[in-house]
N, C-alpha and C. Protein backbone atom coordinates (compact mmCIF):
# COMPACT_ATOMS: atom_id res chain seq x y z
N UNK A 1 -84.35 28.00 47.11
CA UNK A 1 -83.71 26.89 47.81
C UNK A 1 -82.27 26.70 47.34
N UNK A 2 -82.04 26.91 46.04
CA UNK A 2 -80.69 26.73 45.51
C UNK A 2 -79.73 27.75 46.12
N UNK A 3 -80.22 28.97 46.40
CA UNK A 3 -79.37 29.98 47.03
C UNK A 3 -78.96 29.56 48.44
N UNK A 4 -79.86 28.92 49.15
CA UNK A 4 -79.56 28.43 50.50
C UNK A 4 -78.46 27.38 50.43
N UNK A 5 -78.57 26.47 49.47
CA UNK A 5 -77.56 25.42 49.30
C UNK A 5 -76.21 26.01 48.90
N UNK A 6 -76.22 26.92 47.94
CA UNK A 6 -74.97 27.55 47.48
C UNK A 6 -74.31 28.31 48.62
N UNK A 7 -75.08 29.10 49.35
CA UNK A 7 -74.49 29.90 50.43
C UNK A 7 -74.02 29.02 51.58
N UNK A 8 -74.71 27.92 51.85
CA UNK A 8 -74.28 27.01 52.91
C UNK A 8 -72.96 26.33 52.55
N UNK A 9 -72.84 25.89 51.32
CA UNK A 9 -71.58 25.26 50.86
C UNK A 9 -70.44 26.27 50.93
N UNK A 10 -70.68 27.47 50.44
CA UNK A 10 -69.65 28.51 50.45
C UNK A 10 -69.28 28.90 51.87
N UNK A 11 -70.27 29.04 52.74
CA UNK A 11 -70.02 29.39 54.14
C UNK A 11 -69.21 28.32 54.84
N UNK A 12 -69.51 27.06 54.56
CA UNK A 12 -68.76 25.95 55.16
C UNK A 12 -67.28 26.04 54.80
N UNK A 13 -66.99 26.23 53.52
CA UNK A 13 -65.59 26.32 53.10
C UNK A 13 -64.93 27.61 53.56
N UNK A 14 -65.70 28.70 53.65
CA UNK A 14 -65.16 29.96 54.18
C UNK A 14 -64.75 29.79 55.63
N UNK A 15 -65.60 29.14 56.40
CA UNK A 15 -65.31 28.90 57.82
C UNK A 15 -64.06 28.06 58.02
N UNK A 16 -63.78 27.20 57.06
CA UNK A 16 -62.58 26.36 57.14
C UNK A 16 -61.36 27.08 56.58
N UNK A 17 -61.57 28.28 56.02
CA UNK A 17 -60.46 29.04 55.46
C UNK A 17 -59.99 28.50 54.13
N UNK A 18 -60.89 27.86 53.38
CA UNK A 18 -60.49 27.19 52.15
C UNK A 18 -61.07 27.82 50.90
N UNK A 19 -61.37 29.09 50.92
CA UNK A 19 -61.82 29.74 49.70
C UNK A 19 -63.27 29.59 49.37
N UNK A 20 -64.13 29.78 50.35
CA UNK A 20 -65.56 29.70 50.10
C UNK A 20 -66.03 30.70 49.07
N UNK A 21 -65.36 31.84 49.01
CA UNK A 21 -65.71 32.87 48.02
C UNK A 21 -65.46 32.41 46.61
N UNK A 22 -64.37 31.69 46.42
CA UNK A 22 -64.07 31.15 45.09
C UNK A 22 -65.16 30.18 44.67
N UNK A 23 -65.58 29.35 45.60
CA UNK A 23 -66.66 28.40 45.31
C UNK A 23 -67.95 29.16 45.04
N UNK A 24 -68.22 30.21 45.82
CA UNK A 24 -69.42 31.01 45.63
C UNK A 24 -69.45 31.64 44.23
N UNK A 25 -68.35 32.23 43.82
CA UNK A 25 -68.30 32.85 42.49
C UNK A 25 -68.53 31.81 41.41
N UNK A 26 -67.88 30.66 41.54
CA UNK A 26 -68.06 29.59 40.57
C UNK A 26 -69.52 29.16 40.48
N UNK A 27 -70.14 28.92 41.63
CA UNK A 27 -71.53 28.46 41.63
C UNK A 27 -72.49 29.53 41.10
N UNK A 28 -72.25 30.78 41.47
CA UNK A 28 -73.14 31.84 40.99
C UNK A 28 -73.03 32.04 39.49
N UNK A 29 -71.81 31.95 38.94
CA UNK A 29 -71.65 32.20 37.50
C UNK A 29 -72.01 30.98 36.67
N UNK A 30 -71.53 29.81 37.04
CA UNK A 30 -71.73 28.64 36.18
C UNK A 30 -73.01 27.88 36.46
N UNK A 31 -73.46 27.87 37.70
CA UNK A 31 -74.70 27.15 38.01
C UNK A 31 -75.92 28.07 37.85
N UNK A 32 -75.80 29.29 38.37
CA UNK A 32 -76.94 30.22 38.36
C UNK A 32 -76.93 31.16 37.16
N UNK A 33 -75.81 31.24 36.42
CA UNK A 33 -75.74 32.08 35.24
C UNK A 33 -75.68 33.58 35.55
N UNK A 34 -75.22 33.92 36.73
CA UNK A 34 -75.13 35.33 37.13
C UNK A 34 -73.88 35.96 36.53
N UNK A 35 -73.98 37.21 36.15
CA UNK A 35 -72.87 37.99 35.59
C UNK A 35 -71.65 37.94 36.52
N UNK A 36 -70.45 37.83 35.94
CA UNK A 36 -69.21 37.72 36.71
C UNK A 36 -69.02 38.89 37.67
N UNK A 37 -69.28 40.12 37.22
CA UNK A 37 -69.13 41.29 38.10
C UNK A 37 -70.08 41.19 39.30
N UNK A 38 -71.32 40.80 39.04
CA UNK A 38 -72.32 40.67 40.11
C UNK A 38 -71.91 39.57 41.08
N UNK A 39 -71.41 38.45 40.55
CA UNK A 39 -70.99 37.34 41.40
C UNK A 39 -69.82 37.76 42.29
N UNK A 40 -68.85 38.48 41.72
CA UNK A 40 -67.69 38.90 42.50
C UNK A 40 -68.07 39.94 43.55
N UNK A 41 -68.96 40.86 43.19
CA UNK A 41 -69.41 41.86 44.17
C UNK A 41 -70.22 41.19 45.28
N UNK A 42 -71.06 40.23 44.91
CA UNK A 42 -71.84 39.47 45.90
C UNK A 42 -70.90 38.73 46.83
N UNK A 43 -69.84 38.16 46.28
CA UNK A 43 -68.85 37.45 47.09
C UNK A 43 -68.21 38.38 48.11
N UNK A 44 -67.91 39.61 47.70
CA UNK A 44 -67.28 40.55 48.62
C UNK A 44 -68.21 40.87 49.80
N UNK A 45 -69.49 41.00 49.52
CA UNK A 45 -70.45 41.25 50.59
C UNK A 45 -70.61 40.00 51.46
N UNK A 46 -70.67 38.84 50.82
CA UNK A 46 -70.78 37.55 51.52
C UNK A 46 -69.57 37.33 52.43
N UNK A 47 -68.44 37.80 51.99
CA UNK A 47 -67.18 37.58 52.69
C UNK A 47 -67.14 38.25 54.06
N UNK A 48 -67.77 39.41 54.19
CA UNK A 48 -67.68 40.18 55.44
C UNK A 48 -68.24 39.40 56.64
N UNK A 49 -69.51 38.99 56.64
CA UNK A 49 -70.00 38.29 57.83
C UNK A 49 -69.36 36.92 58.04
N UNK A 50 -69.10 36.20 56.95
CA UNK A 50 -68.49 34.87 57.14
C UNK A 50 -67.07 34.98 57.68
N UNK A 51 -66.32 35.97 57.23
CA UNK A 51 -64.96 36.12 57.74
C UNK A 51 -64.95 36.62 59.18
N UNK A 52 -65.91 37.46 59.54
CA UNK A 52 -65.98 37.93 60.94
C UNK A 52 -66.20 36.74 61.87
N UNK A 53 -67.10 35.85 61.50
CA UNK A 53 -67.35 34.66 62.32
C UNK A 53 -66.10 33.79 62.39
N UNK A 54 -65.45 33.56 61.25
CA UNK A 54 -64.25 32.72 61.23
C UNK A 54 -63.13 33.36 62.04
N UNK A 55 -62.97 34.68 61.93
CA UNK A 55 -61.95 35.39 62.71
C UNK A 55 -62.23 35.25 64.20
N UNK A 56 -63.47 35.46 64.59
CA UNK A 56 -63.86 35.36 66.00
C UNK A 56 -63.53 33.98 66.56
N UNK A 57 -63.90 32.93 65.84
CA UNK A 57 -63.63 31.56 66.29
C UNK A 57 -62.12 31.32 66.39
N UNK A 58 -61.36 31.77 65.39
CA UNK A 58 -59.92 31.52 65.40
C UNK A 58 -59.18 32.35 66.45
N UNK A 59 -59.63 33.58 66.72
CA UNK A 59 -59.03 34.36 67.81
C UNK A 59 -59.35 33.68 69.15
N UNK A 60 -60.58 33.24 69.30
CA UNK A 60 -61.00 32.54 70.52
C UNK A 60 -60.14 31.30 70.77
N UNK A 61 -59.79 30.60 69.68
CA UNK A 61 -58.98 29.38 69.80
C UNK A 61 -57.48 29.67 69.75
N UNK A 62 -57.12 30.96 69.78
CA UNK A 62 -55.72 31.40 69.78
C UNK A 62 -54.94 30.89 68.56
N UNK A 63 -55.59 30.96 67.40
CA UNK A 63 -54.97 30.54 66.14
C UNK A 63 -54.53 31.72 65.28
N UNK A 64 -54.57 32.93 65.82
CA UNK A 64 -54.28 34.12 65.03
C UNK A 64 -53.03 34.81 65.58
N UNK A 65 -52.06 35.06 64.71
CA UNK A 65 -50.89 35.86 65.03
C UNK A 65 -51.29 37.31 64.76
N UNK A 66 -51.56 38.07 65.80
CA UNK A 66 -52.11 39.42 65.65
C UNK A 66 -51.15 40.37 64.93
N UNK A 67 -49.84 40.20 65.11
CA UNK A 67 -48.88 41.05 64.40
C UNK A 67 -48.95 40.77 62.89
N UNK A 68 -48.94 39.48 62.53
CA UNK A 68 -49.06 39.10 61.12
C UNK A 68 -50.40 39.57 60.55
N UNK A 69 -51.46 39.40 61.33
CA UNK A 69 -52.79 39.84 60.93
C UNK A 69 -52.80 41.33 60.58
N UNK A 70 -52.14 42.14 61.41
CA UNK A 70 -52.11 43.59 61.18
C UNK A 70 -51.41 43.93 59.87
N UNK A 71 -50.26 43.32 59.65
CA UNK A 71 -49.50 43.59 58.42
C UNK A 71 -50.29 43.16 57.19
N UNK A 72 -50.81 41.96 57.23
CA UNK A 72 -51.57 41.43 56.09
C UNK A 72 -52.82 42.26 55.83
N UNK A 73 -53.48 42.71 56.89
CA UNK A 73 -54.70 43.50 56.73
C UNK A 73 -54.43 44.83 56.04
N UNK A 74 -53.38 45.51 56.46
CA UNK A 74 -53.05 46.81 55.86
C UNK A 74 -52.80 46.67 54.37
N UNK A 75 -51.93 45.74 54.01
CA UNK A 75 -51.60 45.58 52.60
C UNK A 75 -52.72 44.92 51.81
N UNK A 76 -53.54 44.11 52.48
CA UNK A 76 -54.72 43.54 51.83
C UNK A 76 -55.73 44.60 51.46
N UNK A 77 -55.91 45.58 52.32
CA UNK A 77 -56.82 46.68 52.03
C UNK A 77 -56.32 47.49 50.83
N UNK A 78 -55.02 47.76 50.82
CA UNK A 78 -54.44 48.48 49.68
C UNK A 78 -54.64 47.68 48.39
N UNK A 79 -54.36 46.38 48.45
CA UNK A 79 -54.54 45.52 47.28
C UNK A 79 -55.99 45.45 46.84
N UNK A 80 -56.92 45.45 47.79
CA UNK A 80 -58.34 45.41 47.45
C UNK A 80 -58.78 46.67 46.72
N UNK A 81 -58.27 47.80 47.16
CA UNK A 81 -58.61 49.07 46.50
C UNK A 81 -58.10 49.07 45.06
N UNK A 82 -56.85 48.66 44.89
CA UNK A 82 -56.27 48.61 43.54
C UNK A 82 -57.01 47.58 42.69
N UNK A 83 -57.23 46.39 43.22
CA UNK A 83 -57.91 45.33 42.47
C UNK A 83 -59.33 45.69 42.06
N UNK A 84 -60.07 46.32 42.96
CA UNK A 84 -61.45 46.71 42.64
C UNK A 84 -61.47 47.74 41.52
N UNK A 85 -60.54 48.66 41.56
CA UNK A 85 -60.47 49.67 40.49
C UNK A 85 -60.04 49.06 39.16
N UNK A 86 -59.11 48.13 39.19
CA UNK A 86 -58.67 47.46 37.96
C UNK A 86 -59.81 46.62 37.39
N UNK A 87 -60.55 45.92 38.25
CA UNK A 87 -61.64 45.05 37.79
C UNK A 87 -62.70 45.83 37.03
N UNK A 88 -62.93 47.08 37.42
CA UNK A 88 -63.95 47.87 36.72
C UNK A 88 -63.52 48.26 35.32
N UNK A 89 -62.23 48.14 35.04
CA UNK A 89 -61.71 48.50 33.71
C UNK A 89 -61.65 47.31 32.75
N UNK A 90 -61.95 46.12 33.26
CA UNK A 90 -61.82 44.89 32.47
C UNK A 90 -63.20 44.44 31.99
N UNK A 91 -63.29 43.98 30.75
CA UNK A 91 -64.54 43.45 30.20
C UNK A 91 -64.91 42.16 30.93
N UNK A 92 -66.21 41.89 31.01
CA UNK A 92 -66.71 40.72 31.74
C UNK A 92 -66.08 39.42 31.23
N UNK A 93 -66.02 39.24 29.93
CA UNK A 93 -65.46 38.00 29.37
C UNK A 93 -63.99 37.86 29.74
N UNK A 94 -63.25 38.95 29.71
CA UNK A 94 -61.83 38.90 30.10
C UNK A 94 -61.69 38.61 31.59
N UNK A 95 -62.59 39.18 32.39
CA UNK A 95 -62.55 38.92 33.83
C UNK A 95 -62.82 37.45 34.12
N UNK A 96 -63.76 36.86 33.39
CA UNK A 96 -64.03 35.42 33.54
C UNK A 96 -62.80 34.60 33.18
N UNK A 97 -62.12 34.98 32.11
CA UNK A 97 -60.92 34.25 31.68
C UNK A 97 -59.82 34.37 32.72
N UNK A 98 -59.61 35.57 33.23
CA UNK A 98 -58.59 35.78 34.26
C UNK A 98 -58.93 34.96 35.50
N UNK A 99 -60.20 34.96 35.90
CA UNK A 99 -60.62 34.19 37.07
C UNK A 99 -60.42 32.69 36.83
N UNK A 100 -60.74 32.21 35.63
CA UNK A 100 -60.53 30.80 35.30
C UNK A 100 -59.07 30.41 35.34
N UNK A 101 -58.20 31.26 34.81
CA UNK A 101 -56.76 31.00 34.85
C UNK A 101 -56.28 30.96 36.29
N UNK A 102 -56.77 31.90 37.10
CA UNK A 102 -56.42 31.92 38.52
C UNK A 102 -56.81 30.60 39.19
N UNK A 103 -58.03 30.12 38.91
CA UNK A 103 -58.48 28.86 39.50
C UNK A 103 -57.61 27.68 39.05
N UNK A 104 -57.21 27.69 37.78
CA UNK A 104 -56.34 26.62 37.29
C UNK A 104 -54.97 26.65 37.98
N UNK A 105 -54.44 27.83 38.20
CA UNK A 105 -53.15 27.95 38.90
C UNK A 105 -53.28 27.44 40.34
N UNK A 106 -54.36 27.84 41.02
CA UNK A 106 -54.58 27.37 42.40
C UNK A 106 -54.74 25.85 42.43
N UNK A 107 -55.52 25.31 41.49
CA UNK A 107 -55.72 23.86 41.44
C UNK A 107 -54.41 23.14 41.16
N UNK A 108 -53.62 23.67 40.22
CA UNK A 108 -52.31 23.07 39.92
C UNK A 108 -51.40 23.09 41.13
N UNK A 109 -51.40 24.17 41.86
CA UNK A 109 -50.57 24.27 43.07
C UNK A 109 -51.02 23.25 44.12
N UNK A 110 -52.33 23.13 44.30
CA UNK A 110 -52.85 22.17 45.28
C UNK A 110 -52.49 20.74 44.89
N UNK A 111 -52.60 20.42 43.61
CA UNK A 111 -52.23 19.07 43.13
C UNK A 111 -50.74 18.83 43.37
N UNK A 112 -49.92 19.83 43.09
CA UNK A 112 -48.47 19.73 43.32
C UNK A 112 -48.18 19.45 44.79
N UNK A 113 -48.84 20.16 45.69
CA UNK A 113 -48.63 19.97 47.13
C UNK A 113 -49.04 18.56 47.55
N UNK A 114 -50.17 18.09 47.03
CA UNK A 114 -50.64 16.74 47.37
C UNK A 114 -49.63 15.69 46.90
N UNK A 115 -49.15 15.83 45.68
CA UNK A 115 -48.17 14.88 45.14
C UNK A 115 -46.88 14.94 45.95
N UNK A 116 -46.43 16.13 46.27
CA UNK A 116 -45.20 16.32 47.05
C UNK A 116 -45.33 15.65 48.42
N UNK A 117 -46.46 15.83 49.08
CA UNK A 117 -46.70 15.21 50.39
C UNK A 117 -46.78 13.68 50.27
N UNK A 118 -47.40 13.21 49.21
CA UNK A 118 -47.51 11.77 48.98
C UNK A 118 -46.13 11.16 48.82
N UNK A 119 -45.29 11.79 48.01
CA UNK A 119 -43.92 11.29 47.80
C UNK A 119 -43.15 11.33 49.10
N UNK A 120 -43.31 12.37 49.87
CA UNK A 120 -42.61 12.50 51.16
C UNK A 120 -43.01 11.38 52.12
N UNK A 121 -44.30 11.06 52.20
CA UNK A 121 -44.75 10.01 53.10
C UNK A 121 -44.32 8.63 52.60
N UNK A 122 -44.23 8.45 51.29
CA UNK A 122 -43.77 7.17 50.74
C UNK A 122 -42.30 6.93 51.12
N UNK A 123 -41.47 7.98 51.08
CA UNK A 123 -40.08 7.85 51.41
C UNK A 123 -39.87 7.56 52.89
N UNK A 124 -40.77 8.07 53.75
CA UNK A 124 -40.65 7.88 55.19
C UNK A 124 -41.06 6.47 55.62
N UNK A 125 -41.83 5.77 54.80
CA UNK A 125 -42.30 4.43 55.18
C UNK A 125 -41.46 3.35 54.62
């Protein structure tokens, strides 16, 4: 039952384009105690069907710039190949640390954006 809840939460955020995979990795490693490598590989498999659905909905709603999509896809594939090979060379504990630092950077950026928007709206009123 916990897997259904975890995958539903992750799928919801994936569909919104808000990093459901990041949430999935966090829940699998910290809540379920699954190895970081297994969690990240599971996320990659989870990502395929959820992203196909999200892409289909967004193309249907004309929210996709197909030229930008093509460029990003090509270089994303190259980056994925390099990243997957690099990840296999890193110890699990180091990979967890790198992932944690990444999450802190993303969280810090999001907080910065929220504060910046708050200040902007305060000045406008």
